[in-house]
Amino acid sequence: MFTRVLAVFAAAVFSLSAFAAVPEAFEGHEYTRLNNPQPVATGGKVEVLEFFWYRCPHCYQLEPSLETWLKTLPRDAQVRRVPAVFREDWMPGARLYYTLEQMGLTDTLHSKVFDAYHVENINLNDPAVLGGWIAKQGVDRKKFEGIYNSFSTQSKASQGARLATTYGITGVPAFIIDGKFTTSVSMAGSVPRLYEVLDQLIVKARAERGAKKPAK
């Protein structure tokens, strides 16, 4: 009797551990290895590029869970957000993001920009509307507009557009890990699975760098 109970207990433990196991990401389906890896801008850290567009409903829906996942990022990984530009009307959003970045306001206003477009139906592509909205956020409007209209911001937005082309990005949101792997929600199959795949690709990129997992 005791042996049977022990066997049932062992089977239950095995079943739970099997259920908890995360399947290995499937190359060619859940992610792709790029034929032409690109250099990264994060030095010794594994680079995770997120290509997005403020007016993309899928990017908007992903943002809350993405913010949660970012809090679990290992110390040797760094996310860089890149506003994609596939058409001319995507350029204002890219300039807006890079202006916030240069002013150190992405932590406080990035999600609010998403809400402005998708919840409040505010057309931040209109410079006059954008200026009024940014002032309501307690930001110096004149300083913001100076940076927004600057050559350096236009240059950053153009570079982001070229980066999307370099990586062959055709839709957003999309992710590039360490210049060599690409994945997305559609490739992974679901939002929860996307983060499992991203975690595994960070580990894979770290291993290919010959680096060790950082201490917590």
Protein backbone atom coordinates (compact mmCIF):
# COMPACT_ATOMS: atom_id res chain seq x y z
CA MET A 1 0.00 0.00 0.00
CA PHE A 2 2.78 2.39 0.98
CA THR A 3 4.63 1.61 -2.25
CA ARG A 4 1.53 2.40 -4.28
CA VAL A 5 1.01 5.70 -2.46
CA LEU A 6 4.66 6.57 -3.03
CA ALA A 7 4.33 5.75 -6.72
CA VAL A 8 1.22 7.90 -7.05
CA PHE A 9 2.99 10.77 -5.26
CA ALA A 10 6.05 10.47 -7.52
CA ALA A 11 3.84 10.43 -10.61
CA ALA A 12 2.03 13.54 -9.41
CA VAL A 13 5.30 15.36 -8.81
CA PHE A 14 6.57 14.36 -12.26
CA SER A 15 3.31 15.47 -13.83
CA LEU A 16 3.51 18.88 -12.18
CA SER A 17 7.13 19.36 -13.17
CA ALA A 18 6.35 18.38 -16.74
CA PHE A 19 3.44 20.81 -16.77
CA ALA A 20 5.66 23.58 -15.45
CA ALA A 21 8.42 22.96 -18.01
CA VAL A 22 8.71 25.64 -20.67
CA PRO A 23 9.00 24.18 -24.19
CA GLU A 24 12.12 25.09 -26.10
CA ALA A 25 11.57 27.81 -28.69
CA PHE A 26 11.24 26.32 -32.16
CA GLU A 27 13.61 27.92 -34.67
CA GLY A 28 12.00 28.68 -37.99
CA HIS A 29 8.56 28.91 -36.43
CA GLU A 30 8.62 30.81 -33.13
CA TYR A 31 11.74 32.74 -34.04
CA THR A 32 14.12 33.13 -36.95
CA ARG A 33 17.89 33.40 -37.01
CA LEU A 34 18.87 36.22 -39.33
CA ASN A 35 21.13 35.44 -42.26
CA ASN A 36 23.00 38.72 -41.81
CA PRO A 37 23.48 39.54 -38.12
CA GLN A 38 23.89 43.22 -37.32
CA PRO A 39 26.09 45.00 -34.77
CA VAL A 40 24.39 46.07 -31.55
CA ALA A 41 24.50 49.37 -29.68
CA THR A 42 24.48 47.96 -26.15
CA GLY A 43 28.11 46.93 -25.80
CA GLY A 44 28.49 44.03 -23.38
CA LYS A 45 24.75 43.67 -22.86
CA VAL A 46 22.40 41.52 -24.93
CA GLU A 47 20.35 43.91 -27.04
CA VAL A 48 16.58 43.54 -27.35
CA LEU A 49 15.10 45.84 -29.99
CA GLU A 50 11.36 46.49 -29.86
CA PHE A 51 9.97 47.92 -33.09
CA PHE A 52 6.63 49.65 -32.48
CA TRP A 53 4.26 52.36 -33.68
CA TYR A 54 2.27 54.50 -31.26
CA ARG A 55 -0.89 54.19 -33.36
CA CYS A 56 -0.63 50.40 -33.73
CA PRO A 57 -3.45 48.72 -31.74
CA HIS A 58 -1.38 45.56 -31.26
CA CYS A 59 1.51 47.59 -29.80
CA TYR A 60 -0.94 49.35 -27.51
CA GLN A 61 -2.41 46.05 -26.29
CA LEU A 62 1.06 44.59 -25.71
CA GLU A 63 2.43 47.56 -23.75
CA PRO A 64 1.14 46.67 -20.22
CA SER A 65 2.51 43.12 -20.28
CA LEU A 66 5.72 44.33 -21.92
CA GLU A 67 6.27 46.76 -19.06
CA THR A 68 5.82 43.89 -16.60
CA TRP A 69 8.26 41.68 -18.52
CA LEU A 70 10.86 44.45 -18.63
CA LYS A 71 11.02 44.34 -14.84
CA THR A 72 12.27 40.74 -15.07
CA LEU A 73 15.01 41.52 -17.59
CA PRO A 74 18.42 40.13 -16.54
CA ARG A 75 21.13 42.65 -15.76
CA ASP A 76 23.11 41.76 -18.87
CA ALA A 77 20.24 42.57 -21.26
CA GLN A 78 18.99 45.96 -22.42
CA VAL A 79 15.87 46.91 -24.35
CA ARG A 80 15.98 49.61 -27.01
CA ARG A 81 12.67 50.83 -28.36
CA VAL A 82 12.65 51.76 -32.02
CA PRO A 83 9.63 53.51 -33.56
CA ALA A 84 9.20 51.98 -37.00
CA VAL A 85 8.47 54.23 -39.97
CA PHE A 86 6.81 52.46 -42.89
CA ARG A 87 4.98 55.51 -44.23
CA GLU A 88 5.38 59.27 -43.95
CA ASP A 89 2.48 59.53 -41.49
CA TRP A 90 4.44 57.29 -39.09
CA MET A 91 7.24 59.87 -38.85
CA PRO A 92 5.53 62.22 -36.31
CA GLY A 93 5.23 59.36 -33.81
CA ALA A 94 8.90 58.51 -34.26
CA ARG A 95 9.91 62.14 -33.71
CA LEU A 96 7.67 62.27 -30.65
CA TYR A 97 9.32 59.18 -29.14
CA TYR A 98 12.86 60.43 -29.74
CA THR A 99 11.97 63.83 -28.30
CA LEU A 100 10.68 62.17 -25.12
CA GLU A 101 13.81 60.03 -25.01
CA GLN A 102 16.14 63.02 -25.30
CA MET A 103 14.21 64.83 -22.57
CA GLY A 104 14.26 61.81 -20.25
CA LEU A 105 10.46 61.55 -20.32
CA THR A 106 9.85 58.08 -21.73
CA ASP A 107 9.31 56.51 -18.30
CA THR A 108 6.54 58.97 -17.46
CA LEU A 109 4.94 59.72 -20.83
CA HIS A 110 5.47 56.71 -23.12
CA SER A 111 2.31 54.90 -21.98
CA LYS A 112 0.38 58.19 -21.86
CA VAL A 113 1.11 58.75 -25.55
CA PHE A 114 -0.42 55.35 -26.30
CA ASP A 115 -3.48 56.30 -24.24
CA ALA A 116 -3.78 59.65 -26.01
CA TYR A 117 -4.00 57.96 -29.39
CA HIS A 118 -6.06 54.90 -28.48
CA VAL A 119 -8.25 55.95 -25.54
CA GLU A 120 -8.62 59.72 -25.75
CA ASN A 121 -8.57 59.82 -29.56
CA ILE A 122 -6.14 62.75 -29.60
CA ASN A 123 -4.33 63.33 -32.88
CA LEU A 124 -0.78 63.91 -31.67
CA ASN A 125 0.38 63.91 -35.30
CA ASP A 126 -0.96 67.47 -35.44
CA PRO A 127 1.87 69.72 -34.14
CA ALA A 128 -0.57 72.23 -32.59
CA VAL A 129 -2.50 69.50 -30.80
CA LEU A 130 0.74 67.85 -29.69
CA GLY A 131 2.07 71.11 -28.30
CA GLY A 132 -1.06 71.69 -26.25
CA TRP A 133 -1.12 68.11 -25.01
CA ILE A 134 2.54 68.14 -23.98
CA ALA A 135 2.03 71.38 -22.04
CA LYS A 136 -0.83 69.73 -20.11
CA GLN A 137 1.66 67.06 -19.03
CA GLY A 138 3.70 69.73 -17.27
CA VAL A 139 6.44 69.79 -19.92
CA ASP A 140 8.02 73.00 -21.20
CA ARG A 141 6.28 73.30 -24.57
CA LYS A 142 8.87 75.59 -26.14
CA LYS A 143 11.74 73.29 -25.17
CA PHE A 144 9.83 70.23 -26.36
CA GLU A 145 8.99 71.78 -29.73
CA GLY A 146 12.60 72.89 -30.19
CA ILE A 147 13.82 69.31 -29.78
CA TYR A 148 10.90 67.82 -31.75
CA ASN A 149 11.69 70.04 -34.75
CA SER A 150 15.47 69.70 -34.51
CA PHE A 151 17.70 68.10 -37.11
CA SER A 152 19.03 65.61 -34.56
CA THR A 153 15.53 64.29 -33.81
CA GLN A 154 14.71 64.03 -37.50
CA SER A 155 17.99 62.19 -37.99
CA LYS A 156 17.21 59.73 -35.17
CA ALA A 157 13.77 59.03 -36.63
CA SER A 158 15.29 58.43 -40.06
CA GLN A 159 17.92 56.11 -38.59
CA GLY A 160 15.16 54.12 -36.88
CA ALA A 161 13.35 53.81 -40.19
CA ARG A 162 16.51 52.50 -41.85
CA LEU A 163 17.08 50.04 -39.00
CA ALA A 164 13.64 48.52 -39.58
CA THR A 165 14.52 48.13 -43.25
CA THR A 166 17.90 46.60 -42.40
CA TYR A 167 16.23 43.94 -40.27
CA GLY A 168 13.48 43.34 -42.79
CA ILE A 169 10.74 44.34 -40.35
CA THR A 170 7.38 44.34 -42.12
CA GLY A 171 5.02 44.71 -39.16
CA VAL A 172 4.91 45.74 -35.53
CA PRO A 173 5.34 44.92 -32.73
CA ALA A 174 8.47 42.97 -33.61
CA PHE A 175 11.61 42.08 -31.65
CA ILE A 176 15.26 41.61 -32.62
CA ILE A 177 17.52 39.93 -30.07
CA ASP A 178 21.21 40.78 -30.13
CA GLY A 179 21.16 41.58 -33.84
CA LYS A 180 20.65 37.95 -34.82
CA PHE A 181 17.21 36.61 -33.83
CA THR A 182 13.74 37.91 -34.68
CA THR A 183 10.37 37.07 -33.13
CA SER A 184 6.91 38.52 -32.64
CA VAL A 185 3.56 37.72 -31.08
CA SER A 186 2.33 36.20 -34.34
CA MET A 187 5.41 33.98 -34.58
CA ALA A 188 5.25 32.90 -30.93
CA GLY A 189 1.50 32.31 -31.13
CA SER A 190 0.49 34.24 -28.01
CA VAL A 191 1.63 37.06 -25.76
CA PRO A 192 2.67 34.78 -22.85
CA ARG A 193 4.61 32.57 -25.23
CA LEU A 194 6.34 35.62 -26.73
CA TYR A 195 7.99 36.37 -23.39
CA GLU A 196 9.09 32.75 -22.98
CA VAL A 197 10.68 32.90 -26.42
CA LEU A 198 12.34 36.24 -25.66
CA ASP A 199 13.75 34.87 -22.40
CA GLN A 200 15.17 31.86 -24.23
CA LEU A 201 16.67 33.97 -26.99
CA ILE A 202 18.41 36.18 -24.43
CA VAL A 203 19.93 33.03 -22.92
CA LYS A 204 20.92 31.79 -26.38
CA ALA A 205 22.47 35.14 -27.32
CA ARG A 206 24.38 35.21 -24.03
CA ALA A 207 25.74 31.71 -24.67
CA GLU A 208 26.82 32.63 -28.19
CA ARG A 209 28.66 35.61 -26.74
CA GLY A 210 30.44 33.18 -24.43
CA ALA A 211 29.19 35.08 -21.41
CA LYS A 212 27.99 33.80 -18.06
CA LYS A 213 24.59 34.49 -16.53
CA PRO A 214 24.90 37.56 -14.29
CA ALA A 215 24.42 37.22 -10.56
CA LYS A 216 21.12 38.56 -9.25
